[in-house]
Amino acid sequence: MASKAKQADSFRSDVPSTVARSDAKAVRTWKKTHDSAVETYGEGQRARRAAFASLKHTHEKVGDHWEPKQDAGPSDQQAAQQAPASRRGGPTAEGVDANASVSHLREVARRLEIPGRSTMKKADLVEAIKKANRRSTTKAR
């Protein structure tokens, strides 16, 4: 029994804390992409950005962890662009699925206990979820 716990700890090591608190698929996606990016670009921020970009296509950040998205695909306008991330620049939705429906974003906001969510427009919901995610991640560390 102790060896299974040790394997689980080993499986989740070497990943960012938000990924470590996520499901096994999120951890595998991040690790596989990161390892491949390290082979291509070397260790560093570029490999980490590539891993998060890949994760954002299958998962969305909710609070202090990543959850599977209903439909895989880019999470925001930045992720949908064809240019490499290193040349795009500009703001991102920080893992919030900005391409999701307003009703989905309101459900995420409800789970994060964001006040005033029922009257917020889509852009406001994305910003409020981003802020709530940052707070949750900081608190979990």
N, C-alpha and C. Protein backbone atom coordinates (compact mmCIF):
# COMPACT_ATOMS: atom_id res chain seq x y z
N MET A 1 0.82 -1.20 0.00
CA MET A 1 0.00 0.00 0.00
C MET A 1 0.87 1.26 0.00
N ALA A 2 1.95 1.23 0.76
CA ALA A 2 2.83 2.39 0.83
C ALA A 2 3.50 2.65 -0.51
N SER A 3 3.79 1.59 -1.27
CA SER A 3 4.44 1.78 -2.56
C SER A 3 3.52 2.48 -3.55
N LYS A 4 2.21 2.24 -3.48
CA LYS A 4 1.27 2.94 -4.36
C LYS A 4 1.26 4.43 -4.04
N ALA A 5 1.28 4.76 -2.77
CA ALA A 5 1.32 6.17 -2.37
C ALA A 5 2.61 6.82 -2.85
N LYS A 6 3.71 6.08 -2.75
CA LYS A 6 5.01 6.59 -3.19
C LYS A 6 5.00 6.80 -4.71
N GLN A 7 4.38 5.86 -5.46
CA GLN A 7 4.28 6.00 -6.91
C GLN A 7 3.44 7.22 -7.27
N ALA A 8 2.35 7.43 -6.54
CA ALA A 8 1.48 8.57 -6.81
C ALA A 8 2.23 9.87 -6.56
N ASP A 9 3.01 9.93 -5.47
CA ASP A 9 3.80 11.13 -5.19
C ASP A 9 4.84 11.36 -6.28
N SER A 10 5.47 10.28 -6.74
CA SER A 10 6.47 10.36 -7.79
C SER A 10 5.83 10.82 -9.10
N PHE A 11 4.65 10.31 -9.40
CA PHE A 11 3.92 10.66 -10.61
C PHE A 11 3.62 12.15 -10.66
N ARG A 12 3.30 12.73 -9.52
CA ARG A 12 2.92 14.14 -9.45
C ARG A 12 4.08 15.07 -9.13
N SER A 13 5.28 14.50 -8.97
CA SER A 13 6.43 15.36 -8.72
C SER A 13 6.87 16.01 -10.03
N ASP A 14 7.60 17.05 -9.92
CA ASP A 14 8.14 17.75 -11.09
C ASP A 14 7.07 18.38 -11.96
N VAL A 15 5.92 18.65 -11.41
CA VAL A 15 4.89 19.40 -12.14
C VAL A 15 4.48 20.59 -11.27
N PRO A 16 3.97 21.66 -11.86
CA PRO A 16 3.50 22.79 -11.05
C PRO A 16 2.40 22.34 -10.08
N SER A 17 2.29 23.03 -8.97
CA SER A 17 1.35 22.63 -7.92
C SER A 17 -0.09 22.55 -8.41
N THR A 18 -0.50 23.46 -9.30
CA THR A 18 -1.88 23.41 -9.79
C THR A 18 -2.12 22.16 -10.61
N VAL A 19 -1.11 21.70 -11.33
CA VAL A 19 -1.23 20.47 -12.13
C VAL A 19 -1.22 19.27 -11.19
N ALA A 20 -0.38 19.30 -10.17
CA ALA A 20 -0.29 18.19 -9.22
C ALA A 20 -1.61 17.96 -8.50
N ARG A 21 -2.40 19.01 -8.31
CA ARG A 21 -3.70 18.88 -7.63
C ARG A 21 -4.82 18.48 -8.60
N SER A 22 -4.47 18.21 -9.84
CA SER A 22 -5.45 17.89 -10.89
C SER A 22 -5.52 16.39 -11.14
N ASP A 23 -6.41 16.00 -12.06
CA ASP A 23 -6.57 14.57 -12.37
C ASP A 23 -5.33 14.02 -13.09
N ALA A 24 -5.27 12.70 -13.19
CA ALA A 24 -4.11 12.02 -13.77
C ALA A 24 -3.90 12.41 -15.23
N LYS A 25 -4.98 12.63 -15.97
CA LYS A 25 -4.84 13.00 -17.39
C LYS A 25 -4.16 14.36 -17.52
N ALA A 26 -4.48 15.30 -16.65
CA ALA A 26 -3.85 16.61 -16.68
C ALA A 26 -2.35 16.48 -16.41
N VAL A 27 -2.00 15.65 -15.43
CA VAL A 27 -0.59 15.45 -15.10
C VAL A 27 0.14 14.81 -16.28
N ARG A 28 -0.46 13.77 -16.87
CA ARG A 28 0.17 13.11 -18.03
C ARG A 28 0.34 14.07 -19.20
N THR A 29 -0.69 14.85 -19.49
CA THR A 29 -0.64 15.80 -20.60
C THR A 29 0.49 16.80 -20.38
N TRP A 30 0.55 17.37 -19.18
CA TRP A 30 1.58 18.37 -18.89
C TRP A 30 2.97 17.75 -18.99
N LYS A 31 3.16 16.59 -18.35
CA LYS A 31 4.48 15.95 -18.35
C LYS A 31 4.93 15.56 -19.75
N LYS A 32 4.05 14.94 -20.52
CA LYS A 32 4.41 14.48 -21.86
C LYS A 32 4.82 15.67 -22.74
N THR A 33 4.03 16.73 -22.70
CA THR A 33 4.34 17.90 -23.52
C THR A 33 5.61 18.58 -23.02
N HIS A 34 5.75 18.70 -21.72
CA HIS A 34 6.94 19.34 -21.15
C HIS A 34 8.20 18.57 -21.54
N ASP A 35 8.15 17.25 -21.40
CA ASP A 35 9.32 16.44 -21.74
C ASP A 35 9.69 16.59 -23.21
N SER A 36 8.69 16.59 -24.07
CA SER A 36 8.94 16.77 -25.50
C SER A 36 9.52 18.16 -25.79
N ALA A 37 8.97 19.16 -25.14
CA ALA A 37 9.44 20.53 -25.34
C ALA A 37 10.87 20.71 -24.82
N VAL A 38 11.21 20.02 -23.73
CA VAL A 38 12.58 20.09 -23.21
C VAL A 38 13.55 19.52 -24.23
N GLU A 39 13.16 18.43 -24.89
CA GLU A 39 14.02 17.85 -25.93
C GLU A 39 14.22 18.83 -27.09
N THR A 40 13.18 19.60 -27.40
CA THR A 40 13.25 20.53 -28.52
C THR A 40 13.92 21.86 -28.14
N TYR A 41 13.48 22.46 -27.02
CA TYR A 41 13.91 23.80 -26.66
C TYR A 41 14.91 23.85 -25.50
N GLY A 42 15.04 22.76 -24.77
CA GLY A 42 15.84 22.78 -23.55
C GLY A 42 14.97 23.12 -22.36
N GLU A 43 15.50 22.91 -21.17
CA GLU A 43 14.76 23.18 -19.93
C GLU A 43 14.54 24.69 -19.81
N GLY A 44 13.39 25.09 -19.31
CA GLY A 44 13.15 26.52 -19.09
C GLY A 44 11.72 26.92 -19.35
N GLN A 45 11.52 28.24 -19.40
CA GLN A 45 10.19 28.82 -19.54
C GLN A 45 9.49 28.41 -20.83
N ARG A 46 10.24 28.28 -21.90
CA ARG A 46 9.60 27.93 -23.18
C ARG A 46 8.96 26.55 -23.10
N ALA A 47 9.64 25.60 -22.46
CA ALA A 47 9.09 24.25 -22.29
C ALA A 47 7.86 24.28 -21.38
N ARG A 48 7.91 25.09 -20.33
CA ARG A 48 6.76 25.21 -19.42
C ARG A 48 5.56 25.83 -20.13
N ARG A 49 5.81 26.86 -20.93
CA ARG A 49 4.72 27.50 -21.68
C ARG A 49 4.08 26.52 -22.65
N ALA A 50 4.91 25.72 -23.31
CA ALA A 50 4.38 24.72 -24.25
C ALA A 50 3.50 23.71 -23.52
N ALA A 51 3.95 23.28 -22.33
CA ALA A 51 3.19 22.30 -21.56
C ALA A 51 1.84 22.88 -21.12
N PHE A 52 1.84 24.13 -20.66
CA PHE A 52 0.58 24.75 -20.26
C PHE A 52 -0.32 24.99 -21.47
N ALA A 53 0.25 25.35 -22.60
CA ALA A 53 -0.57 25.56 -23.81
C ALA A 53 -1.28 24.27 -24.20
N SER A 54 -0.57 23.16 -24.10
CA SER A 54 -1.17 21.86 -24.41
C SER A 54 -2.27 21.52 -23.41
N LEU A 55 -1.99 21.76 -22.14
CA LEU A 55 -2.96 21.46 -21.09
C LEU A 55 -4.24 22.28 -21.27
N LYS A 56 -4.10 23.53 -21.69
CA LYS A 56 -5.26 24.41 -21.87
C LYS A 56 -6.20 23.95 -22.97
N HIS A 57 -5.74 23.09 -23.86
CA HIS A 57 -6.60 22.56 -24.92
C HIS A 57 -7.53 21.47 -24.41
N THR A 58 -7.14 20.80 -23.32
CA THR A 58 -7.96 19.70 -22.80
C THR A 58 -8.56 19.98 -21.43
N HIS A 59 -8.01 20.95 -20.72
CA HIS A 59 -8.44 21.26 -19.36
C HIS A 59 -8.64 22.76 -19.18
N GLU A 60 -9.39 23.11 -18.16
CA GLU A 60 -9.55 24.51 -17.78
C GLU A 60 -9.21 24.65 -16.31
N LYS A 61 -8.70 25.82 -15.94
CA LYS A 61 -8.33 26.05 -14.55
C LYS A 61 -9.58 26.47 -13.78
N VAL A 62 -9.84 25.75 -12.69
CA VAL A 62 -10.96 26.06 -11.82
C VAL A 62 -10.41 26.08 -10.40
N GLY A 63 -10.33 27.28 -9.84
CA GLY A 63 -9.76 27.41 -8.50
C GLY A 63 -8.27 27.11 -8.51
N ASP A 64 -7.86 26.12 -7.72
CA ASP A 64 -6.43 25.82 -7.58
C ASP A 64 -5.99 24.57 -8.35
N HIS A 65 -6.82 24.12 -9.30
CA HIS A 65 -6.49 22.91 -10.07
C HIS A 65 -7.09 22.99 -11.48
N TRP A 66 -6.78 21.98 -12.29
CA TRP A 66 -7.26 21.91 -13.67
C TRP A 66 -8.30 20.80 -13.79
N GLU A 67 -9.39 21.09 -14.51
CA GLU A 67 -10.46 20.11 -14.73
C GLU A 67 -10.65 19.89 -16.23
N PRO A 68 -11.04 18.67 -16.62
CA PRO A 68 -11.25 18.40 -18.05
C PRO A 68 -12.35 19.29 -18.63
N LYS A 69 -12.13 19.75 -19.86
CA LYS A 69 -13.14 20.54 -20.56
C LYS A 69 -14.10 19.58 -21.26
N GLN A 70 -15.33 20.02 -21.46
CA GLN A 70 -16.30 19.20 -22.20
C GLN A 70 -15.84 18.99 -23.63
N ASP A 71 -15.39 20.05 -24.26
CA ASP A 71 -14.93 19.99 -25.65
C ASP A 71 -13.49 20.48 -25.73
N ALA A 72 -12.62 19.65 -26.25
CA ALA A 72 -11.21 20.03 -26.39
C ALA A 72 -11.09 21.14 -27.42
N GLY A 73 -10.11 21.99 -27.22
CA GLY A 73 -9.85 23.07 -28.16
C GLY A 73 -9.21 24.24 -27.45
N PRO A 74 -8.87 25.29 -28.20
CA PRO A 74 -8.20 26.44 -27.60
C PRO A 74 -9.07 27.09 -26.53
N SER A 75 -8.41 27.57 -25.48
CA SER A 75 -9.15 28.13 -24.36
C SER A 75 -9.45 29.61 -24.52
N ASP A 76 -8.72 30.28 -25.39
CA ASP A 76 -8.95 31.71 -25.60
C ASP A 76 -8.44 32.11 -26.97
N GLN A 77 -8.62 33.36 -27.32
CA GLN A 77 -8.23 33.86 -28.63
C GLN A 77 -6.72 33.71 -28.84
N GLN A 78 -5.96 33.93 -27.80
CA GLN A 78 -4.50 33.81 -27.87
C GLN A 78 -4.10 32.39 -28.25
N ALA A 79 -4.72 31.39 -27.64
CA ALA A 79 -4.39 29.99 -27.91
C ALA A 79 -4.82 29.56 -29.31
N ALA A 80 -5.78 30.24 -29.89
CA ALA A 80 -6.28 29.87 -31.22
C ALA A 80 -5.39 30.38 -32.35
N GLN A 81 -4.51 31.33 -32.05
CA GLN A 81 -3.63 31.87 -33.09
C GLN A 81 -2.60 30.84 -33.53
N GLN A 82 -2.18 30.94 -34.77
CA GLN A 82 -1.25 29.97 -35.34
C GLN A 82 0.21 30.26 -35.01
N ALA A 83 0.55 31.49 -34.71
CA ALA A 83 1.95 31.84 -34.43
C ALA A 83 2.41 31.18 -33.14
N PRO A 84 3.69 30.84 -33.02
CA PRO A 84 4.20 30.26 -31.78
C PRO A 84 3.99 31.22 -30.61
N ALA A 85 3.78 30.66 -29.44
CA ALA A 85 3.51 31.46 -28.24
C ALA A 85 4.59 32.49 -27.99
N SER A 86 5.83 32.16 -28.29
CA SER A 86 6.93 33.07 -28.02
C SER A 86 6.84 34.35 -28.85
N ARG A 87 6.09 34.32 -29.96
CA ARG A 87 5.97 35.51 -30.81
C ARG A 87 4.62 36.19 -30.72
N ARG A 88 3.67 35.61 -30.02
CA ARG A 88 2.31 36.17 -29.97
C ARG A 88 2.23 37.36 -29.03
N GLY A 89 2.62 37.16 -27.80
CA GLY A 89 2.50 38.22 -26.82
C GLY A 89 1.05 38.51 -26.49
N GLY A 90 0.83 39.39 -25.57
CA GLY A 90 -0.53 39.77 -25.22
C GLY A 90 -1.11 38.94 -24.10
N PRO A 91 -2.24 39.37 -23.59
CA PRO A 91 -2.87 38.70 -22.44
C PRO A 91 -3.53 37.37 -22.82
N THR A 92 -3.63 36.49 -21.84
CA THR A 92 -4.33 35.22 -22.02
C THR A 92 -5.44 35.15 -20.98
N ALA A 93 -6.25 34.12 -21.07
CA ALA A 93 -7.32 33.92 -20.09
C ALA A 93 -6.82 33.11 -18.89
N GLU A 94 -5.52 32.83 -18.84
CA GLU A 94 -4.89 32.16 -17.70
C GLU A 94 -5.53 30.82 -17.37
N GLY A 95 -5.92 30.08 -18.38
CA GLY A 95 -6.50 28.76 -18.16
C GLY A 95 -8.01 28.73 -18.07
N VAL A 96 -8.63 29.90 -17.99
CA VAL A 96 -10.09 29.96 -18.01
C VAL A 96 -10.54 29.68 -19.45
N ASP A 97 -11.54 28.85 -19.62
CA ASP A 97 -12.02 28.53 -20.97
C ASP A 97 -12.91 29.68 -21.46
N ALA A 98 -12.27 30.71 -21.99
CA ALA A 98 -12.99 31.90 -22.45
C ALA A 98 -13.86 31.62 -23.66
N ASN A 99 -13.67 30.48 -24.31
CA ASN A 99 -14.51 30.11 -25.45
C ASN A 99 -15.75 29.33 -25.03
N ALA A 100 -15.88 29.04 -23.75
CA ALA A 100 -17.04 28.32 -23.24
C ALA A 100 -18.27 29.22 -23.25
N SER A 101 -19.42 28.61 -23.08
CA SER A 101 -20.67 29.38 -23.06
C SER A 101 -20.77 30.20 -21.78
N VAL A 102 -21.61 31.22 -21.82
CA VAL A 102 -21.83 32.05 -20.64
C VAL A 102 -22.41 31.20 -19.51
N SER A 103 -23.29 30.27 -19.83
CA SER A 103 -23.88 29.43 -18.78
C SER A 103 -22.80 28.57 -18.11
N HIS A 104 -21.85 28.05 -18.89
CA HIS A 104 -20.75 27.28 -18.30
C HIS A 104 -19.90 28.17 -17.39
N LEU A 105 -19.58 29.37 -17.87
CA LEU A 105 -18.78 30.29 -17.06
C LEU A 105 -19.51 30.68 -15.78
N ARG A 106 -20.83 30.85 -15.87
CA ARG A 106 -21.60 31.17 -14.65
C ARG A 106 -21.57 30.00 -13.66
N GLU A 107 -21.60 28.77 -14.18
CA GLU A 107 -21.51 27.59 -13.32
C GLU A 107 -20.15 27.53 -12.63
N VAL A 108 -19.10 27.79 -13.35
CA VAL A 108 -17.76 27.83 -12.74
C VAL A 108 -17.72 28.94 -11.69
N ALA A 109 -18.27 30.11 -12.02
CA ALA A 109 -18.29 31.23 -11.08
C ALA A 109 -19.11 30.88 -9.83
N ARG A 110 -20.19 30.13 -10.01
CA ARG A 110 -20.99 29.70 -8.85
C ARG A 110 -20.16 28.81 -7.95
N ARG A 111 -19.44 27.85 -8.55
CA ARG A 111 -18.61 26.94 -7.76
C ARG A 111 -17.50 27.68 -7.03
N LEU A 112 -17.03 28.78 -7.62
CA LEU A 112 -15.98 29.58 -6.99
C LEU A 112 -16.56 30.67 -6.07
N GLU A 113 -17.88 30.68 -5.96
CA GLU A 113 -18.61 31.61 -5.09
C GLU A 113 -18.31 33.08 -5.42
N ILE A 114 -18.39 33.40 -6.71
CA ILE A 114 -18.16 34.76 -7.17
C ILE A 114 -19.47 35.53 -7.10
N PRO A 115 -19.52 36.60 -6.31
CA PRO A 115 -20.77 37.36 -6.19
C PRO A 115 -21.07 38.16 -7.46
N GLY A 116 -22.35 38.33 -7.76
CA GLY A 116 -22.79 39.13 -8.90
C GLY A 116 -22.67 38.44 -10.24
N ARG A 117 -22.40 37.15 -10.24
CA ARG A 117 -22.15 36.41 -11.49
C ARG A 117 -23.37 36.38 -12.41
N SER A 118 -24.57 36.42 -11.86
CA SER A 118 -25.77 36.29 -12.70
C SER A 118 -25.99 37.50 -13.60
N THR A 119 -25.40 38.63 -13.29
CA THR A 119 -25.57 39.82 -14.12
C THR A 119 -24.32 40.17 -14.94
N MET A 120 -23.28 39.36 -14.79
CA MET A 120 -22.02 39.65 -15.50
C MET A 120 -22.09 39.24 -16.96
N LYS A 121 -21.42 40.01 -17.79
CA LYS A 121 -21.24 39.66 -19.20
C LYS A 121 -20.08 38.66 -19.28
N LYS A 122 -19.91 38.03 -20.43
CA LYS A 122 -18.91 36.98 -20.60
C LYS A 122 -17.50 37.44 -20.23
N ALA A 123 -17.09 38.58 -20.73
CA ALA A 123 -15.74 39.09 -20.44
C ALA A 123 -15.55 39.34 -18.95
N ASP A 124 -16.60 39.82 -18.29
CA ASP A 124 -16.52 40.06 -16.84
C ASP A 124 -16.42 38.75 -16.08
N LEU A 125 -17.15 37.73 -16.54
CA LEU A 125 -17.06 36.41 -15.91
C LEU A 125 -15.65 35.83 -16.03
N VAL A 126 -15.06 35.95 -17.21
CA VAL A 126 -13.70 35.44 -17.42
C VAL A 126 -12.73 36.14 -16.47
N GLU A 127 -12.81 37.46 -16.37
CA GLU A 127 -11.92 38.21 -15.48
C GLU A 127 -12.14 37.83 -14.01
N ALA A 128 -13.40 37.69 -13.61
CA ALA A 128 -13.70 37.33 -12.21
C ALA A 128 -13.19 35.92 -11.89
N ILE A 129 -13.32 35.00 -12.83
CA ILE A 129 -12.84 33.63 -12.62
C ILE A 129 -11.31 33.63 -12.55
N LYS A 130 -10.65 34.40 -13.42
CA LYS A 130 -9.19 34.51 -13.37
C LYS A 130 -8.73 34.97 -11.99
N LYS A 131 -9.38 36.00 -11.46
CA LYS A 131 -9.00 36.53 -10.15
C LYS A 131 -9.26 35.51 -9.05
N ALA A 132 -10.40 34.83 -9.11
CA ALA A 132 -10.72 33.80 -8.12
C ALA A 132 -9.72 32.65 -8.19
N ASN A 133 -9.33 32.26 -9.40
CA ASN A 133 -8.33 31.21 -9.58
C ASN A 133 -7.00 31.60 -8.95
N ARG A 134 -6.58 32.85 -9.18
CA ARG A 134 -5.32 33.33 -8.59
C ARG A 134 -5.37 33.27 -7.07
N ARG A 135 -6.50 33.72 -6.51
CA ARG A 135 -6.65 33.69 -5.04
C ARG A 135 -6.60 32.26 -4.52
N SER A 136 -7.31 31.36 -5.18
CA SER A 136 -7.34 29.95 -4.75
C SER A 136 -5.96 29.31 -4.83
N THR A 137 -5.24 29.58 -5.89
CA THR A 137 -3.90 29.02 -6.05
C THR A 137 -2.96 29.56 -4.98
N THR A 138 -3.03 30.85 -4.73
CA THR A 138 -2.18 31.44 -3.69
C THR A 138 -2.48 30.84 -2.33
N LYS A 139 -3.75 30.67 -2.04
CA LYS A 139 -4.17 30.11 -0.75
C LYS A 139 -3.73 28.65 -0.61
N ALA A 140 -3.75 27.89 -1.70
CA ALA A 140 -3.39 26.47 -1.66
C ALA A 140 -1.89 26.24 -1.51
N ARG A 141 -1.08 27.22 -1.85
CA ARG A 141 0.38 27.05 -1.78
C ARG A 141 0.85 27.12 -0.39
